[in-house]
Amino acid sequence: MSTVSEHVAQTLARHVDNVFGVMGNGNAAFLDGLERATSARFTAVRHEAGAVVAADAYYRSCGRLAAATATYGAGFTNTLTPLAEAVQARVPLVLVVGDEPTAGARPWDVDQIALASAVGARTYTVSRADPAVTTTIAIEHALSFGRPAVIAIPYDVGTLDAGELPPATEAGAPSRVAPSSPFAQSTMDEIAAALVAAHRPFLLAGRGAWLADAGPALSRIADLAGAVTGSSALGRGIFERPEFDIGVVGGFGAEGAMALVREADVVVVFGASLNQFTMRFGDLFAPGTAVFQVDVAQSATHEHVAGFVRGDAALVGEAIAERLAASGVTPSGWRETIDVERLGEREQGDQLAADGRLDPRSVAVRIGELLPSNRVVVSDGGHFIGWANMYWPIASPDRMHMVGTAFQAIGLGWPSVAGAAIAKPDSTVVLTTGDGGGLMALADLETAVRVAGGRGMAVVWNDAAYSAEVNVYGSKGYALGPMLIPEVDFAALATGVGAEGVVVRYLGDLDRLGTWAAEDAGTRSFLVLDCRVSGAVVAPYQEEIMRAGSR
């Protein structure tokens, strides 16, 4: 006898190597089938939200599909926030859950299909007749649309005999959007002509360009046109010539570099959504700049875009590069006149802020000097996201992940470590989190320590507050009480689950990071740096938000 749950597990294991989850009544038979009959690796997390987060971080780190699993009811509803994040960040994953019996809902059942639909995820409910086919369709949906798909196993169906497992069927690979229409061809002609005539061309790439493997094509365009390059926060490291790359643009960008962007006369954007933070609330480009965008979205994503091509960033980039090469374009010469290092200068901060706590800028600078070079950074959400993005170099877009920012969620940090650690087994995983989000996800501190071990560490920006709220609403005179957090000893919490915790009150306390980084990963423990920083130092991107809110 081969059950419905075993069919789901074995079919899923043909397409994924890793499953993250929490076992419960609704998915016990599925997990039993996964463990007994497949080679897929199951990693237990301690909260159902962490299952989806870990699968999300796994995909962002290595580009391969992962799965999450939870039971029905309360187990499923715990997954909704990270499920919404994965939808909005366009991260494919599969979530296998139990569901109400086909005989009818029990008192504790909820309409899970409606809840998943409300956050943008489609549900595929398996039956006794075709569980393997349904599972394959769900996987294909996730891959084709770049979105999470939910596989629901009704409680009274999971253990029914489903017969022999049918032969393997490959899930269809996502198709690349080719710019084949006459309108797209005409706009690409226009972009090439604009780059040929440009005096100060600028190329901006985002995560979409990385996913399309567009780096070589875009670097070729930059060389042909003599363009300065930059990226969104999730696209850093995509261009091949760092000497002409100003790094991250938008709220995380250095002021000198952002002033240079406003000098550009032609801008071409590849695979970046041009959200309010990247666009500095509309102030990134100067009026009169010709802005073109290439993306798989249905239309331009910002009102400042003058010309739009819907298409795969690599395919469009290659087509534009060919046009430039055929035109005999002469490089503008603009990028040879700039000093990228000087433009990237940022405020370093003093050791201590006026309130006697550490200046987070000086902490970020020192940590950036000490971190292992072969690293992946995963970031929770909160005010502190500016520090890692501004002060820590990133080698490539698959080594910096902000799980939560698409949905503006916090509390998804600790389980991100598990997904990234399994995806990048030769790298050190570095979590950057705040005390608010760190406490919210505390159950999976244990998961991070257990899975990553000595290949993982965390920086907790501990300012005893929800600082984003203090900055935005405290400045408006709102009562501060609800925005404050009693100072928590994260170093002690970390020690309790087998990590090494270090309270950092002075920059010298960070020396332990230097010695830890030099130790063998197989012998050292997970390291948690509990950095007691000042909340009075406001990140520049947060100041932009505050200014935009006062307009």
Protein backbone atom coordinates (compact mmCIF):
# COMPACT_ATOMS: atom_id res chain seq x y z
CA MET A 1 0.00 0.00 0.00
CA SER A 2 1.23 3.46 -0.94
CA THR A 3 -0.75 6.26 0.67
CA VAL A 4 -1.75 9.67 -0.60
CA SER A 5 0.75 11.29 1.77
CA GLU A 6 3.52 9.00 0.52
CA HIS A 7 2.68 9.93 -3.08
CA VAL A 8 2.95 13.62 -2.17
CA ALA A 9 6.24 13.10 -0.30
CA GLN A 10 7.87 11.00 -3.01
CA THR A 11 6.74 13.26 -5.84
CA LEU A 12 7.92 16.34 -3.99
CA ALA A 13 11.30 14.71 -3.31
CA ARG A 14 11.83 14.34 -7.06
CA HIS A 15 12.04 18.13 -7.25
CA VAL A 16 13.34 19.34 -3.88
CA ASP A 17 16.22 18.26 -1.67
CA ASN A 18 15.21 20.13 1.48
CA VAL A 19 12.02 20.40 3.51
CA PHE A 20 11.65 22.62 6.59
CA GLY A 21 8.82 22.33 9.06
CA VAL A 22 7.06 21.48 12.29
CA MET A 23 5.28 18.14 12.66
CA GLY A 24 1.64 18.01 13.71
CA ASN A 25 -1.50 15.94 13.23
CA GLY A 26 -2.14 17.19 9.72
CA ASN A 27 1.29 16.49 8.23
CA ALA A 28 2.51 13.51 10.30
CA ALA A 29 1.80 10.96 7.56
CA PHE A 30 3.48 13.19 4.96
CA LEU A 31 6.62 13.53 7.09
CA ASP A 32 6.65 9.81 7.77
CA GLY A 33 6.59 9.17 4.03
CA LEU A 34 9.30 11.76 3.46
CA GLU A 35 11.60 10.22 6.07
CA ARG A 36 11.03 6.57 5.15
CA ALA A 37 10.78 6.64 1.39
CA THR A 38 12.84 9.60 0.11
CA SER A 39 16.34 11.05 0.33
CA ALA A 40 15.05 14.58 0.91
CA ARG A 41 16.47 16.23 4.03
CA PHE A 42 13.98 17.33 6.67
CA THR A 43 15.05 20.15 8.99
CA ALA A 44 12.86 20.81 12.01
CA VAL A 45 12.18 24.40 12.95
CA ARG A 46 10.48 25.53 16.15
CA HIS A 47 7.71 27.73 14.75
CA GLU A 48 5.69 27.18 11.60
CA ALA A 49 6.56 30.66 10.33
CA GLY A 50 10.18 29.57 10.43
CA ALA A 51 9.47 26.72 8.02
CA VAL A 52 8.41 29.07 5.23
CA VAL A 53 11.17 31.56 6.09
CA ALA A 54 13.86 28.86 5.89
CA ALA A 55 12.54 27.61 2.53
CA ASP A 56 12.46 31.21 1.29
CA ALA A 57 16.05 31.92 2.41
CA TYR A 58 17.20 28.64 0.89
CA TYR A 59 15.88 29.65 -2.53
CA ARG A 60 17.34 33.15 -2.31
CA SER A 61 20.74 31.71 -1.43
CA CYS A 62 21.07 29.00 -4.07
CA GLY A 63 18.22 29.42 -6.55
CA ARG A 64 16.77 25.96 -5.94
CA LEU A 65 13.25 25.14 -4.83
CA ALA A 66 12.65 24.12 -1.22
CA ALA A 67 9.53 23.09 0.65
CA ALA A 68 7.97 23.90 4.00
CA THR A 69 5.39 21.93 5.94
CA ALA A 70 2.95 22.56 8.78
CA THR A 71 -0.18 21.05 10.21
CA TYR A 72 -3.70 22.38 9.66
CA GLY A 73 -5.46 25.21 11.51
CA ALA A 74 -3.17 27.09 13.87
CA GLY A 75 -0.11 25.54 12.24
CA PHE A 76 -1.17 26.83 8.85
CA THR A 77 -2.21 30.30 10.06
CA ASN A 78 1.23 30.71 11.62
CA THR A 79 2.71 30.54 8.11
CA LEU A 80 0.70 33.42 6.65
CA THR A 81 3.13 36.30 7.25
CA PRO A 82 6.16 34.63 5.63
CA LEU A 83 3.86 33.25 2.92
CA ALA A 84 2.80 36.82 2.10
CA GLU A 85 6.47 37.87 2.10
CA ALA A 86 7.35 35.11 -0.38
CA VAL A 87 4.46 36.14 -2.64
CA GLN A 88 5.47 39.78 -2.68
CA ALA A 89 9.18 38.99 -3.08
CA ARG A 90 8.38 36.55 -5.91
CA VAL A 91 10.06 33.60 -4.21
CA PRO A 92 8.96 30.14 -5.40
CA LEU A 93 8.47 27.53 -2.70
CA VAL A 94 6.00 24.78 -1.84
CA LEU A 95 4.11 24.63 1.46
CA VAL A 96 2.61 21.22 2.34
CA VAL A 97 -0.13 21.44 4.97
CA GLY A 98 -2.87 19.39 6.47
CA ASP A 99 -6.43 20.59 5.92
CA GLU A 100 -9.97 19.94 7.06
CA PRO A 101 -11.52 16.54 6.26
CA THR A 102 -13.55 16.14 3.09
CA ALA A 103 -16.46 15.16 5.36
CA GLY A 104 -16.65 18.73 6.63
CA ALA A 105 -14.93 21.25 8.84
CA ARG A 106 -14.29 20.56 12.51
CA PRO A 107 -14.66 23.29 15.15
CA TRP A 108 -10.96 24.21 14.89
CA ASP A 109 -10.78 24.28 11.09
CA VAL A 110 -10.61 27.50 9.09
CA ASP A 111 -10.95 28.23 5.37
CA GLN A 112 -7.28 27.75 4.52
CA ILE A 113 -7.79 28.12 0.77
CA ALA A 114 -9.33 31.55 1.28
CA LEU A 115 -6.59 32.60 3.70
CA ALA A 116 -3.83 31.53 1.31
CA SER A 117 -5.59 33.29 -1.55
CA ALA A 118 -5.87 36.46 0.52
CA VAL A 119 -2.08 36.74 0.67
CA GLY A 120 -1.64 35.73 -2.98
CA ALA A 121 -0.83 32.01 -2.78
CA ARG A 122 -2.74 29.35 -4.73
CA THR A 123 -3.78 26.10 -3.05
CA TYR A 124 -3.78 22.67 -4.70
CA THR A 125 -5.82 20.10 -2.74
CA VAL A 126 -4.82 16.49 -3.31
CA SER A 127 -7.28 13.63 -3.60
CA ARG A 128 -6.96 9.86 -3.61
CA ALA A 129 -7.19 9.81 -7.40
CA ASP A 130 -4.20 11.93 -8.42
CA PRO A 131 -1.97 13.11 -5.54
CA ALA A 132 1.25 12.84 -7.56
CA VAL A 133 -0.12 14.80 -10.50
CA THR A 134 -1.54 17.49 -8.22
CA THR A 135 1.80 17.79 -6.44
CA THR A 136 3.64 18.18 -9.74
CA ILE A 137 1.21 20.87 -10.89
CA ALA A 138 1.77 22.79 -7.65
CA ILE A 139 5.53 22.62 -8.10
CA GLU A 140 5.18 23.77 -11.70
CA HIS A 141 3.02 26.69 -10.55
CA ALA A 142 5.66 27.80 -8.04
CA LEU A 143 8.45 27.63 -10.61
CA SER A 144 6.54 29.14 -13.51
CA PHE A 145 5.07 32.11 -11.64
CA GLY A 146 7.83 32.65 -9.08
CA ARG A 147 5.34 32.40 -6.24
CA PRO A 148 4.68 30.00 -3.36
CA ALA A 149 2.13 27.23 -3.89
CA VAL A 150 0.25 25.41 -1.12
CA ILE A 151 -0.40 21.65 -1.27
CA ALA A 152 -3.27 20.74 1.05
CA ILE A 153 -3.83 17.18 2.29
CA PRO A 154 -7.34 16.72 3.77
CA TYR A 155 -7.17 14.95 7.13
CA ASP A 156 -9.26 11.96 6.05
CA VAL A 157 -7.40 11.52 2.75
CA GLY A 158 -3.74 11.45 3.73
CA THR A 159 -3.58 7.79 4.80
CA LEU A 160 -5.79 6.34 2.04
CA ASP A 161 -4.29 3.86 -0.41
CA ALA A 162 -3.39 5.66 -3.65
CA GLY A 163 -1.95 2.67 -5.50
CA GLU A 164 1.38 2.58 -7.26
CA LEU A 165 3.34 5.81 -7.59
CA PRO A 166 3.12 6.91 -11.24
CA PRO A 167 6.29 7.50 -13.30
CA ALA A 168 8.11 10.75 -12.67
CA THR A 169 6.87 13.79 -14.58
CA GLU A 170 9.12 16.80 -14.86
CA ALA A 171 7.68 20.10 -13.75
CA GLY A 172 7.89 22.67 -16.52
CA ALA A 173 10.70 25.18 -16.26
CA PRO A 174 9.76 28.87 -16.15
CA SER A 175 9.79 30.45 -19.58
CA ARG A 176 11.92 33.51 -20.23
CA VAL A 177 10.01 36.59 -21.35
CA ALA A 178 11.39 37.43 -24.80
CA PRO A 179 10.97 40.99 -26.13
CA SER A 180 9.54 39.91 -29.47
CA SER A 181 6.87 42.52 -30.22
CA PRO A 182 7.55 45.38 -32.68
CA PHE A 183 6.97 47.82 -29.82
CA ALA A 184 9.67 46.16 -27.70
CA GLN A 185 12.07 46.13 -30.64
CA SER A 186 11.44 49.81 -31.26
CA THR A 187 12.02 50.69 -27.59
CA MET A 188 15.28 48.73 -27.57
CA ASP A 189 16.35 50.74 -30.62
CA GLU A 190 15.49 53.87 -28.66
CA ILE A 191 17.49 52.74 -25.62
CA ALA A 192 20.54 51.92 -27.75
CA ALA A 193 20.33 55.28 -29.53
CA ALA A 194 20.01 57.09 -26.20
CA LEU A 195 23.11 55.31 -24.85
CA VAL A 196 25.07 56.14 -28.00
CA ALA A 197 24.26 59.84 -27.59
CA ALA A 198 24.58 59.93 -23.79
CA HIS A 199 27.27 62.00 -22.10
CA ARG A 200 26.64 60.57 -18.64
CA PRO A 201 25.01 57.10 -18.96
CA PHE A 202 24.07 55.12 -15.86
CA LEU A 203 22.96 51.49 -15.55
CA LEU A 204 20.95 50.29 -12.54
CA ALA A 205 20.41 46.57 -11.90
CA GLY A 206 18.28 44.75 -9.34
CA ARG A 207 17.56 41.24 -8.14
CA GLY A 208 15.61 40.47 -11.30
CA ALA A 209 18.74 41.00 -13.37
CA TRP A 210 20.64 38.57 -11.14
CA LEU A 211 17.91 35.91 -11.41
CA ALA A 212 18.08 36.28 -15.20
CA ASP A 213 21.88 35.87 -15.12
CA ALA A 214 22.14 39.21 -16.89
CA GLY A 215 25.43 40.30 -15.31
CA PRO A 216 27.66 39.59 -18.35
CA ALA A 217 25.30 41.30 -20.81
CA LEU A 218 24.84 44.36 -18.62
CA SER A 219 28.57 44.62 -17.97
CA ARG A 220 29.12 44.56 -21.73
CA ILE A 221 26.63 47.40 -22.20
CA ALA A 222 28.42 49.39 -19.50
CA ASP A 223 31.78 48.92 -21.23
CA LEU A 224 30.43 49.80 -24.68
CA ALA A 225 28.62 52.93 -23.51
CA GLY A 226 31.14 53.92 -20.83
CA ALA A 227 28.38 53.83 -18.22
CA VAL A 228 28.66 54.17 -14.47
CA THR A 229 26.83 51.33 -12.75
CA GLY A 230 24.91 50.81 -9.53
CA SER A 231 22.38 48.41 -8.06
CA SER A 232 19.42 48.06 -5.78
CA ALA A 233 20.09 46.64 -2.31
CA LEU A 234 19.39 43.11 -3.59
CA GLY A 235 21.47 43.47 -6.75
CA ARG A 236 24.85 44.42 -5.31
CA GLY A 237 27.84 42.80 -7.00
CA ILE A 238 26.17 42.00 -10.32
CA PHE A 239 28.46 44.18 -12.48
CA GLU A 240 31.94 42.96 -13.42
CA ARG A 241 33.83 46.26 -13.10
CA PRO A 242 33.74 47.38 -9.44
CA GLU A 243 36.03 50.32 -10.21
CA PHE A 244 33.14 51.93 -12.07
CA ASP A 245 30.34 50.76 -9.77
CA ILE A 246 28.95 53.05 -7.05
CA GLY A 247 27.25 50.20 -5.20
CA VAL A 248 23.79 50.38 -3.73
CA VAL A 249 21.53 53.27 -4.71
CA GLY A 250 18.57 54.77 -2.92
CA GLY A 251 18.22 55.20 0.81
CA PHE A 252 21.23 52.97 1.53
CA GLY A 253 23.46 54.82 -0.94
CA ALA A 254 26.29 57.18 -0.01
CA GLU A 255 25.42 60.85 -0.46
CA GLY A 256 28.27 61.53 -2.89
CA ALA A 257 27.26 58.60 -5.05
CA MET A 258 23.61 59.66 -5.04
CA ALA A 259 24.60 63.15 -6.13
CA LEU A 260 26.45 61.57 -9.06
CA VAL A 261 23.34 59.62 -10.11
CA ARG A 262 21.46 62.90 -10.42
CA GLU A 263 24.05 64.01 -12.99
CA ALA A 264 23.17 61.13 -15.33
CA ASP A 265 21.44 62.11 -18.57
CA VAL A 266 20.40 58.56 -19.57
CA VAL A 267 19.49 55.78 -17.12
CA VAL A 268 18.61 52.19 -18.03
CA VAL A 269 17.16 50.04 -15.24
CA PHE A 270 17.29 46.24 -15.48
CA GLY A 271 15.29 44.00 -13.13
CA ALA A 272 14.76 46.53 -10.35
CA SER A 273 11.26 47.40 -9.19
CA LEU A 274 12.07 51.08 -8.52
CA ASN A 275 10.25 51.02 -5.20
CA GLN A 276 10.04 54.09 -3.02
CA PHE A 277 13.26 53.28 -1.15
CA THR A 278 15.37 52.68 -4.26
CA MET A 279 13.90 55.83 -5.82
CA ARG A 280 14.47 57.94 -2.69
CA PHE A 281 10.78 58.76 -2.78
CA GLY A 282 11.11 60.13 -6.32
CA ASP A 283 14.37 62.06 -5.86
CA LEU A 284 16.91 59.53 -7.19
CA PHE A 285 17.06 60.93 -10.73
CA ALA A 286 17.08 64.57 -11.77
CA PRO A 287 14.20 66.03 -13.80
CA GLY A 288 15.03 65.74 -17.47
CA THR A 289 16.90 62.45 -17.12
CA ALA A 290 15.78 59.91 -19.73
CA VAL A 291 14.84 56.80 -17.72
CA PHE A 292 14.25 53.43 -19.38
CA GLN A 293 13.22 50.24 -17.60
CA VAL A 294 13.54 46.55 -18.52
CA ASP A 295 11.52 44.16 -16.37
CA VAL A 296 9.21 41.15 -16.47
CA ALA A 297 6.45 43.23 -14.87
CA GLN A 298 3.46 43.98 -17.06
CA SER A 299 4.29 47.67 -17.22
CA ALA A 300 6.69 50.29 -15.92
CA THR A 301 6.82 50.39 -12.13
CA HIS A 302 7.48 54.11 -11.65
CA GLU A 303 6.05 57.23 -13.19
CA HIS A 304 9.52 58.59 -14.05
CA VAL A 305 10.08 55.80 -16.61
CA ALA A 306 9.94 57.17 -20.15
CA GLY A 307 10.41 53.90 -22.05
CA PHE A 308 9.62 50.35 -20.95
CA VAL A 309 10.52 46.93 -22.35
CA ARG A 310 8.85 43.87 -20.89
CA GLY A 311 11.37 41.09 -21.09
CA ASP A 312 14.05 38.96 -19.49
CA ALA A 313 16.92 41.23 -18.41
CA ALA A 314 19.57 38.99 -20.01
CA LEU A 315 17.75 38.66 -23.33
CA VAL A 316 17.06 42.38 -23.57
CA GLY A 317 20.54 43.23 -22.34
CA GLU A 318 22.14 41.04 -25.01
CA ALA A 319 19.95 42.61 -27.71
CA ILE A 320 20.88 46.13 -26.63
CA ALA A 321 24.57 45.23 -26.42
CA GLU A 322 24.44 43.92 -29.99
CA ARG A 323 22.82 47.14 -31.15
CA LEU A 324 25.52 49.19 -29.43
CA ALA A 325 28.32 47.08 -30.92
CA ALA A 326 26.82 47.40 -34.40
CA SER A 327 26.52 51.17 -34.03
CA GLY A 328 30.23 51.68 -33.45
CA VAL A 329 29.46 53.54 -30.22
CA THR A 330 32.25 55.45 -28.52
CA PRO A 331 32.33 55.11 -24.71
CA SER A 332 31.24 58.31 -23.01
CA GLY A 333 34.39 58.65 -20.91
CA TRP A 334 32.29 59.77 -17.94
CA ARG A 335 33.11 56.87 -15.65
CA GLU A 336 36.86 57.44 -16.00
CA THR A 337 36.40 60.87 -14.40
CA ILE A 338 34.90 59.61 -11.14
CA ASP A 339 36.50 58.38 -7.93
CA VAL A 340 34.26 55.54 -6.74
CA GLU A 341 36.06 55.20 -3.41
CA ARG A 342 35.62 58.89 -2.58
CA LEU A 343 31.98 58.89 -3.67
CA GLY A 344 31.31 55.91 -1.40
CA GLU A 345 32.59 57.61 1.74
CA ARG A 346 30.15 57.47 4.65
CA GLU A 347 29.98 58.86 8.14
CA GLN A 348 32.00 56.59 10.39
CA GLY A 349 30.54 57.64 13.71
CA ASP A 350 32.24 57.91 17.09
CA GLN A 351 32.65 54.93 19.39
CA LEU A 352 29.84 56.13 21.62
CA ALA A 353 26.82 58.27 20.86
CA ALA A 354 25.73 61.16 23.09
CA ASP A 355 23.65 58.83 25.29
CA GLY A 356 26.69 56.70 26.15
CA ARG A 357 25.66 53.72 24.04
CA LEU A 358 27.55 52.51 20.98
CA ASP A 359 27.19 54.46 17.74
CA PRO A 360 25.80 51.84 15.32
CA ARG A 361 27.81 53.32 12.44
CA SER A 362 31.13 52.70 14.14
CA VAL A 363 29.95 49.22 15.13
CA ALA A 364 28.97 48.45 11.52
CA VAL A 365 32.31 49.67 10.20
CA ARG A 366 34.29 47.54 12.66
CA ILE A 367 32.17 44.43 12.07
CA GLY A 368 32.58 44.89 8.32
CA GLU A 369 36.35 44.78 8.82
CA LEU A 370 36.21 41.57 10.86
CA LEU A 371 33.58 39.45 9.12
CA PRO A 372 34.71 36.32 7.24
CA SER A 373 35.00 37.14 3.54
CA ASN A 374 33.12 34.03 2.42
CA ARG A 375 29.78 34.95 3.91
CA VAL A 376 26.06 35.19 3.28
CA VAL A 377 24.18 37.95 5.09
CA VAL A 378 20.53 37.45 6.02
CA SER A 379 18.63 40.39 7.39
CA ASP A 380 15.53 40.70 9.51
CA GLY A 381 13.43 43.85 9.16
CA GLY A 382 13.68 47.00 11.23
CA HIS A 383 15.45 50.35 11.49
CA PHE A 384 18.85 48.63 11.64
CA ILE A 385 18.70 47.35 8.02
CA GLY A 386 20.59 50.46 6.99
CA TRP A 387 23.77 49.52 8.83
CA ALA A 388 24.60 46.23 7.10
CA ASN A 389 23.51 47.54 3.70
CA MET A 390 25.58 50.68 4.04
CA TYR A 391 28.75 49.37 5.66
CA TRP A 392 29.21 45.67 4.84
CA PRO A 393 30.57 44.80 1.37
CA ILE A 394 28.60 42.15 -0.51
CA ALA A 395 30.24 39.92 -3.11
CA SER A 396 27.15 39.08 -5.18
CA PRO A 397 23.34 39.31 -4.99
CA ASP A 398 22.97 35.72 -3.74
CA ARG A 399 24.89 36.71 -0.60
CA MET A 400 22.55 39.36 0.80
CA HIS A 401 18.92 38.61 1.64
CA MET A 402 16.35 40.79 3.33
CA VAL A 403 13.60 38.33 4.19
CA GLY A 404 10.64 40.40 5.32
CA THR A 405 11.16 43.75 3.64
CA ALA A 406 8.83 43.05 0.71
CA PHE A 407 5.94 42.69 3.17
CA GLN A 408 7.51 45.09 5.70
CA ALA A 409 7.61 42.33 8.29
CA ILE A 410 9.95 41.83 11.21
CA GLY A 411 10.68 38.64 13.15
CA LEU A 412 11.82 36.47 10.24
CA GLY A 413 15.54 36.59 10.94
CA TRP A 414 16.56 33.55 12.97
CA PRO A 415 15.02 30.88 10.71
CA SER A 416 16.57 32.59 7.67
CA VAL A 417 19.92 31.37 8.99
CA ALA A 418 18.88 27.73 8.64
CA GLY A 419 17.81 28.03 5.01
CA ALA A 420 20.92 29.97 3.98
CA ALA A 421 23.26 27.67 5.91
CA ILE A 422 21.98 24.57 4.11
CA ALA A 423 21.99 26.33 0.74
CA LYS A 424 25.57 27.61 1.15
CA PRO A 425 27.34 24.91 3.19
CA ASP A 426 30.81 26.38 2.58
CA SER A 427 29.93 29.91 3.72
CA THR A 428 29.50 31.67 7.04
CA VAL A 429 25.92 32.88 7.51
CA VAL A 430 25.63 36.24 9.23
CA LEU A 431 22.28 37.36 10.61
CA THR A 432 21.64 41.04 11.23
CA THR A 433 18.58 41.61 13.43
CA GLY A 434 17.13 44.02 15.93
CA ASP A 435 16.00 43.34 19.46
CA GLY A 436 12.33 43.66 18.49
CA GLY A 437 12.47 41.23 15.56
CA GLY A 438 14.97 39.06 17.40
CA LEU A 439 12.53 38.54 20.25
CA MET A 440 9.60 37.97 17.91
CA ALA A 441 11.41 35.06 16.23
CA LEU A 442 13.12 33.79 19.36
CA ALA A 443 11.85 30.21 19.05
CA ASP A 444 14.09 29.71 16.04
CA LEU A 445 17.23 31.03 17.72
CA GLU A 446 17.66 27.37 18.62
CA THR A 447 17.14 26.37 14.98
CA ALA A 448 19.81 28.79 13.78
CA VAL A 449 22.33 27.56 16.35
CA ARG A 450 21.56 23.87 15.71
CA VAL A 451 21.64 24.03 11.91
CA ALA A 452 24.46 26.52 11.28
CA GLY A 453 26.66 25.72 14.26
CA GLY A 454 30.09 27.29 13.90
CA ARG A 455 29.25 28.43 10.37
CA GLY A 456 26.79 30.96 11.72
CA MET A 457 26.71 34.16 13.72
CA ALA A 458 24.32 36.96 14.50
CA VAL A 459 24.60 40.67 15.14
CA VAL A 460 21.79 41.93 17.34
CA TRP A 461 21.35 45.71 17.19
CA ASN A 462 20.02 46.02 20.72
CA ASP A 463 18.73 49.54 21.40
CA ALA A 464 15.88 48.60 23.75
CA ALA A 465 13.23 49.94 21.39
CA TYR A 466 11.32 49.55 18.15
CA SER A 467 13.47 52.32 16.73
CA ALA A 468 11.70 52.72 13.40
CA GLU A 469 8.55 53.60 15.31
CA VAL A 470 10.45 55.84 17.72
CA ASN A 471 11.97 57.73 14.81
CA VAL A 472 8.75 58.17 12.84
CA TYR A 473 6.09 58.45 15.53
CA GLY A 474 8.11 59.54 18.54
CA SER A 475 9.20 62.56 16.53
CA LYS A 476 5.51 63.40 16.08
CA GLY A 477 4.91 63.39 19.81
CA TYR A 478 3.29 59.97 20.16
CA ALA A 479 3.61 58.23 23.53
CA LEU A 480 6.92 56.38 23.66
CA GLY A 481 5.90 53.64 26.09
CA PRO A 482 4.56 51.17 23.50
CA MET A 483 7.70 51.68 21.39
CA LEU A 484 10.19 50.69 24.09
CA ILE A 485 11.55 47.23 25.00
CA PRO A 486 13.22 46.34 28.30
CA GLU A 487 16.87 45.69 27.53
CA VAL A 488 17.23 41.95 26.90
CA ASP A 489 20.43 39.97 27.32
CA PHE A 490 20.65 38.20 23.96
CA ALA A 491 24.11 36.92 24.83
CA ALA A 492 22.64 34.97 27.75
CA LEU A 493 19.74 33.70 25.65
CA ALA A 494 22.19 32.48 23.04
CA THR A 495 24.28 30.67 25.62
CA GLY A 496 21.17 28.84 26.75
CA VAL A 497 20.79 27.13 23.37
CA GLY A 498 24.45 26.29 22.86
CA ALA A 499 25.83 29.42 21.23
CA GLU A 500 28.56 31.75 22.40
CA GLY A 501 27.14 35.10 23.44
CA VAL A 502 29.15 38.31 23.70
CA VAL A 503 27.78 41.57 25.09
CA VAL A 504 29.29 44.44 23.10
CA ARG A 505 29.40 47.78 24.92
CA TYR A 506 32.67 49.09 23.45
CA LEU A 507 34.34 48.57 20.07
CA GLY A 508 37.08 46.56 21.74
CA ASP A 509 34.49 43.94 22.66
CA LEU A 510 34.23 43.16 18.93
CA ASP A 511 37.75 41.77 18.94
CA ARG A 512 36.18 38.40 19.77
CA LEU A 513 34.68 38.42 16.26
CA GLY A 514 38.19 38.64 14.83
CA THR A 515 39.47 35.66 16.79
CA TRP A 516 36.25 33.70 16.14
CA ALA A 517 36.58 34.27 12.38
CA ALA A 518 40.12 32.88 12.49
CA GLU A 519 39.03 29.67 14.22
CA ASP A 520 38.01 26.48 12.44
CA ALA A 521 34.28 26.45 11.75
CA GLY A 522 34.08 22.83 12.87
CA THR A 523 35.31 23.60 16.38
CA ARG A 524 33.83 26.99 17.17
CA SER A 525 30.25 27.71 18.30
CA PHE A 526 27.58 29.88 16.74
CA LEU A 527 28.41 33.46 17.79
CA VAL A 528 25.87 36.06 18.92
CA LEU A 529 27.07 39.64 19.27
CA ASP A 530 24.66 41.52 21.53
CA CYS A 531 25.51 45.08 20.49
CA ARG A 532 24.16 47.71 22.89
CA VAL A 533 23.71 50.52 20.39
CA SER A 534 22.15 53.94 20.59
CA GLY A 535 18.72 54.50 19.13
CA ALA A 536 19.48 58.20 18.80
CA VAL A 537 21.52 57.67 15.61
CA VAL A 538 19.03 57.57 12.76
CA ALA A 539 19.85 55.75 9.53
CA PRO A 540 19.77 58.00 6.44
CA TYR A 541 17.09 55.92 4.74
CA GLN A 542 14.89 56.39 7.81
CA GLU A 543 15.43 60.15 7.64
CA GLU A 544 14.21 60.01 4.03
CA ILE A 545 11.06 58.23 5.17
CA MET A 546 10.49 60.86 7.81
CA ARG A 547 10.98 63.69 5.32
CA ALA A 548 8.63 62.04 2.83
CA GLY A 549 6.02 61.64 5.55
CA SER A 550 6.14 65.34 6.36
CA ARG A 551 5.57 66.52 2.79
